Amino acid sequence: MKLSVVIVNYNVEHFLDQCLYSVFKASKNLDVEVFVVDNNSVDESMKMVHRKYPEVKCIENEKNVGFSVANNQAIRESTGEYVLLLK
């Protein structure tokens, strides 16, 4: 794996959808894995991810652990030579 992309989410379904769409469009011919770490959102964002982007690796926290901790969760599971943190 060349690149791991990490996106932390908290109740921003619409923006997350746009972000994932852009990531997959831009990385069409690249060796990329994409993580979404959800900080216990109450909107439908994770249902949307599972439905529209089944290739995304999801980490769904039972509480809001904060931006840094959430990034570190995905980094530990990533296999990419490089890691891109999106905010």
N, C-alpha and C. Protein backbone atom coordinates (compact mmCIF):
# COMPACT_ATOMS: atom_id res chain seq x y z
N MET A 1 0.85 -1.18 0.00
CA MET A 1 0.00 0.00 0.00
C MET A 1 0.89 1.24 0.00
N LYS A 2 0.57 2.17 -0.87
CA LYS A 2 1.39 3.37 -0.98
C LYS A 2 0.88 4.52 -0.10
N LEU A 3 -0.46 4.71 -0.06
CA LEU A 3 -1.02 5.86 0.66
C LEU A 3 -2.22 5.44 1.49
N SER A 4 -2.25 5.91 2.73
CA SER A 4 -3.40 5.75 3.61
C SER A 4 -3.99 7.13 3.85
N VAL A 5 -5.30 7.26 3.61
CA VAL A 5 -6.00 8.53 3.82
C VAL A 5 -6.89 8.36 5.04
N VAL A 6 -6.80 9.31 5.98
CA VAL A 6 -7.58 9.25 7.21
C VAL A 6 -8.48 10.48 7.30
N ILE A 7 -9.77 10.22 7.53
CA ILE A 7 -10.75 11.29 7.69
C ILE A 7 -11.46 11.06 9.01
N VAL A 8 -11.46 12.07 9.86
CA VAL A 8 -12.20 12.00 11.13
C VAL A 8 -13.54 12.69 10.92
N ASN A 9 -14.60 12.04 11.38
CA ASN A 9 -15.96 12.53 11.17
C ASN A 9 -16.68 12.73 12.49
N TYR A 10 -17.45 13.82 12.53
CA TYR A 10 -18.38 14.02 13.64
C TYR A 10 -19.56 14.85 13.13
N ASN A 11 -20.66 14.17 12.80
CA ASN A 11 -21.91 14.82 12.41
C ASN A 11 -21.80 15.74 11.19
N VAL A 12 -21.05 15.34 10.19
CA VAL A 12 -20.94 16.16 8.97
C VAL A 12 -21.16 15.28 7.73
N GLU A 13 -22.29 14.62 7.67
CA GLU A 13 -22.59 13.67 6.61
C GLU A 13 -22.37 14.26 5.21
N HIS A 14 -22.92 15.41 4.95
CA HIS A 14 -22.82 16.02 3.62
C HIS A 14 -21.36 16.29 3.23
N PHE A 15 -20.60 16.87 4.14
CA PHE A 15 -19.20 17.18 3.85
C PHE A 15 -18.36 15.91 3.73
N LEU A 16 -18.68 14.91 4.52
CA LEU A 16 -17.97 13.64 4.44
C LEU A 16 -18.21 12.99 3.08
N ASP A 17 -19.43 13.04 2.61
CA ASP A 17 -19.75 12.49 1.28
C ASP A 17 -18.95 13.20 0.21
N GLN A 18 -18.91 14.52 0.25
CA GLN A 18 -18.14 15.29 -0.73
C GLN A 18 -16.65 14.96 -0.65
N CYS A 19 -16.15 14.83 0.56
CA CYS A 19 -14.73 14.54 0.76
C CYS A 19 -14.39 13.17 0.19
N LEU A 20 -15.18 12.17 0.52
CA LEU A 20 -14.91 10.82 0.02
C LEU A 20 -15.01 10.76 -1.50
N TYR A 21 -16.00 11.43 -2.05
CA TYR A 21 -16.14 11.47 -3.51
C TYR A 21 -14.85 12.04 -4.14
N SER A 22 -14.35 13.12 -3.58
CA SER A 22 -13.13 13.76 -4.09
C SER A 22 -11.91 12.86 -3.93
N VAL A 23 -11.80 12.22 -2.78
CA VAL A 23 -10.66 11.34 -2.54
C VAL A 23 -10.63 10.20 -3.55
N PHE A 24 -11.77 9.57 -3.77
CA PHE A 24 -11.79 8.43 -4.70
C PHE A 24 -11.61 8.88 -6.14
N LYS A 25 -12.11 10.04 -6.48
CA LYS A 25 -11.92 10.55 -7.83
C LYS A 25 -10.44 10.88 -8.07
N ALA A 26 -9.80 11.50 -7.10
CA ALA A 26 -8.39 11.89 -7.24
C ALA A 26 -7.43 10.71 -7.17
N SER A 27 -7.84 9.63 -6.53
CA SER A 27 -6.93 8.49 -6.33
C SER A 27 -7.30 7.30 -7.21
N LYS A 28 -8.03 7.55 -8.26
CA LYS A 28 -8.56 6.49 -9.12
C LYS A 28 -7.51 5.46 -9.53
N ASN A 29 -6.33 5.87 -9.90
CA ASN A 29 -5.30 4.94 -10.38
C ASN A 29 -4.15 4.77 -9.40
N LEU A 30 -4.40 5.06 -8.14
CA LEU A 30 -3.36 4.97 -7.11
C LEU A 30 -3.65 3.82 -6.15
N ASP A 31 -2.62 3.37 -5.46
CA ASP A 31 -2.75 2.32 -4.46
C ASP A 31 -3.06 2.99 -3.12
N VAL A 32 -4.35 3.11 -2.80
CA VAL A 32 -4.80 3.90 -1.66
C VAL A 32 -5.78 3.10 -0.80
N GLU A 33 -5.66 3.29 0.52
CA GLU A 33 -6.69 2.81 1.43
C GLU A 33 -7.26 4.04 2.14
N VAL A 34 -8.56 4.02 2.41
CA VAL A 34 -9.22 5.18 3.02
C VAL A 34 -9.88 4.74 4.32
N PHE A 35 -9.62 5.51 5.37
CA PHE A 35 -10.23 5.28 6.69
C PHE A 35 -11.16 6.43 7.02
N VAL A 36 -12.30 6.10 7.61
CA VAL A 36 -13.15 7.11 8.25
C VAL A 36 -13.25 6.70 9.71
N VAL A 37 -12.88 7.62 10.58
CA VAL A 37 -13.02 7.40 12.02
C VAL A 37 -14.16 8.28 12.48
N ASP A 38 -15.21 7.66 12.98
CA ASP A 38 -16.38 8.41 13.43
C ASP A 38 -16.36 8.56 14.94
N ASN A 39 -16.54 9.79 15.40
CA ASN A 39 -16.52 10.10 16.83
C ASN A 39 -17.93 10.14 17.42
N ASN A 40 -18.65 9.03 17.24
CA ASN A 40 -19.99 8.86 17.83
C ASN A 40 -21.00 9.87 17.29
N SER A 41 -21.03 10.02 15.98
CA SER A 41 -21.99 10.93 15.34
C SER A 41 -23.42 10.44 15.57
N VAL A 42 -24.34 11.39 15.60
CA VAL A 42 -25.76 11.04 15.75
C VAL A 42 -26.52 11.25 14.44
N ASP A 43 -25.83 11.70 13.39
CA ASP A 43 -26.47 11.84 12.09
C ASP A 43 -26.35 10.50 11.34
N GLU A 44 -26.65 10.49 10.08
CA GLU A 44 -26.64 9.27 9.27
C GLU A 44 -25.33 9.10 8.51
N SER A 45 -24.28 9.76 8.93
CA SER A 45 -23.04 9.77 8.15
C SER A 45 -22.44 8.37 7.97
N MET A 46 -22.42 7.56 8.98
CA MET A 46 -21.80 6.24 8.82
C MET A 46 -22.67 5.30 7.99
N LYS A 47 -23.97 5.44 8.07
CA LYS A 47 -24.84 4.65 7.18
C LYS A 47 -24.56 5.02 5.73
N MET A 48 -24.36 6.30 5.47
CA MET A 48 -24.05 6.77 4.13
C MET A 48 -22.72 6.19 3.66
N VAL A 49 -21.72 6.17 4.52
CA VAL A 49 -20.41 5.62 4.15
C VAL A 49 -20.54 4.14 3.79
N HIS A 50 -21.21 3.38 4.63
CA HIS A 50 -21.38 1.95 4.37
C HIS A 50 -22.13 1.70 3.06
N ARG A 51 -23.10 2.54 2.78
CA ARG A 51 -23.94 2.37 1.58
C ARG A 51 -23.20 2.80 0.30
N LYS A 52 -22.57 3.97 0.33
CA LYS A 52 -21.99 4.54 -0.89
C LYS A 52 -20.52 4.21 -1.10
N TYR A 53 -19.80 3.91 -0.03
CA TYR A 53 -18.36 3.69 -0.12
C TYR A 53 -17.97 2.43 0.67
N PRO A 54 -18.40 1.26 0.21
CA PRO A 54 -18.13 0.03 0.98
C PRO A 54 -16.64 -0.30 1.11
N GLU A 55 -15.81 0.29 0.27
CA GLU A 55 -14.38 0.03 0.33
C GLU A 55 -13.67 0.78 1.45
N VAL A 56 -14.36 1.71 2.08
CA VAL A 56 -13.77 2.49 3.17
C VAL A 56 -13.65 1.62 4.42
N LYS A 57 -12.53 1.76 5.09
CA LYS A 57 -12.32 1.08 6.37
C LYS A 57 -12.84 1.99 7.47
N CYS A 58 -13.83 1.53 8.19
CA CYS A 58 -14.51 2.37 9.19
C CYS A 58 -14.11 1.99 10.61
N ILE A 59 -13.89 3.01 11.41
CA ILE A 59 -13.70 2.85 12.85
C ILE A 59 -14.79 3.70 13.49
N GLU A 60 -15.69 3.05 14.22
CA GLU A 60 -16.82 3.75 14.81
C GLU A 60 -16.68 3.77 16.33
N ASN A 61 -16.32 4.92 16.86
CA ASN A 61 -16.11 5.07 18.29
C ASN A 61 -17.44 5.20 19.02
N GLU A 62 -17.48 4.70 20.23
CA GLU A 62 -18.69 4.79 21.06
C GLU A 62 -18.75 6.09 21.84
N LYS A 63 -17.69 6.88 21.78
CA LYS A 63 -17.69 8.22 22.37
C LYS A 63 -16.78 9.10 21.52
N ASN A 64 -16.90 10.39 21.69
CA ASN A 64 -16.07 11.33 20.94
C ASN A 64 -14.71 11.39 21.62
N VAL A 65 -13.71 10.79 20.96
CA VAL A 65 -12.38 10.73 21.55
C VAL A 65 -11.50 11.89 21.13
N GLY A 66 -12.00 12.75 20.26
CA GLY A 66 -11.24 13.91 19.80
C GLY A 66 -10.49 13.62 18.51
N PHE A 67 -10.07 14.69 17.88
CA PHE A 67 -9.44 14.62 16.56
C PHE A 67 -8.12 13.86 16.58
N SER A 68 -7.25 14.17 17.49
CA SER A 68 -5.92 13.54 17.52
C SER A 68 -5.99 12.05 17.82
N VAL A 69 -6.75 11.69 18.82
CA VAL A 69 -6.89 10.26 19.17
C VAL A 69 -7.49 9.49 18.01
N ALA A 70 -8.51 10.06 17.37
CA ALA A 70 -9.16 9.40 16.23
C ALA A 70 -8.17 9.20 15.08
N ASN A 71 -7.37 10.20 14.78
CA ASN A 71 -6.35 10.04 13.74
C ASN A 71 -5.38 8.92 14.10
N ASN A 72 -4.94 8.90 15.34
CA ASN A 72 -3.99 7.87 15.77
C ASN A 72 -4.58 6.48 15.68
N GLN A 73 -5.88 6.33 15.91
CA GLN A 73 -6.52 5.02 15.78
C GLN A 73 -6.34 4.49 14.36
N ALA A 74 -6.61 5.32 13.38
CA ALA A 74 -6.49 4.89 11.99
C ALA A 74 -5.04 4.70 11.58
N ILE A 75 -4.17 5.57 12.04
CA ILE A 75 -2.75 5.45 11.69
C ILE A 75 -2.22 4.10 12.15
N ARG A 76 -2.62 3.66 13.34
CA ARG A 76 -2.16 2.36 13.84
C ARG A 76 -2.61 1.20 12.95
N GLU A 77 -3.77 1.33 12.32
CA GLU A 77 -4.29 0.27 11.45
C GLU A 77 -3.85 0.42 10.00
N SER A 78 -3.30 1.56 9.66
CA SER A 78 -2.96 1.83 8.26
C SER A 78 -1.76 0.98 7.82
N THR A 79 -1.71 0.74 6.51
CA THR A 79 -0.61 -0.03 5.95
C THR A 79 0.16 0.76 4.89
N GLY A 80 -0.22 2.00 4.70
CA GLY A 80 0.42 2.82 3.67
C GLY A 80 1.82 3.26 4.04
N GLU A 81 2.62 3.44 3.01
CA GLU A 81 3.96 4.00 3.20
C GLU A 81 3.85 5.45 3.66
N TYR A 82 2.81 6.14 3.16
CA TYR A 82 2.54 7.52 3.54
C TYR A 82 1.12 7.60 4.10
N VAL A 83 0.89 8.55 5.01
CA VAL A 83 -0.42 8.76 5.61
C VAL A 83 -0.83 10.21 5.38
N LEU A 84 -2.04 10.40 4.86
CA LEU A 84 -2.58 11.73 4.63
C LEU A 84 -3.75 11.93 5.59
N LEU A 85 -3.65 12.93 6.47
CA LEU A 85 -4.71 13.25 7.40
C LEU A 85 -5.53 14.40 6.81
N LEU A 86 -6.81 14.17 6.59
CA LEU A 86 -7.68 15.21 6.05
C LEU A 86 -8.52 15.79 7.16
N LYS A 87 -8.69 17.11 7.11
CA LYS A 87 -9.49 17.77 8.13
C LYS A 87 -10.58 18.55 7.45
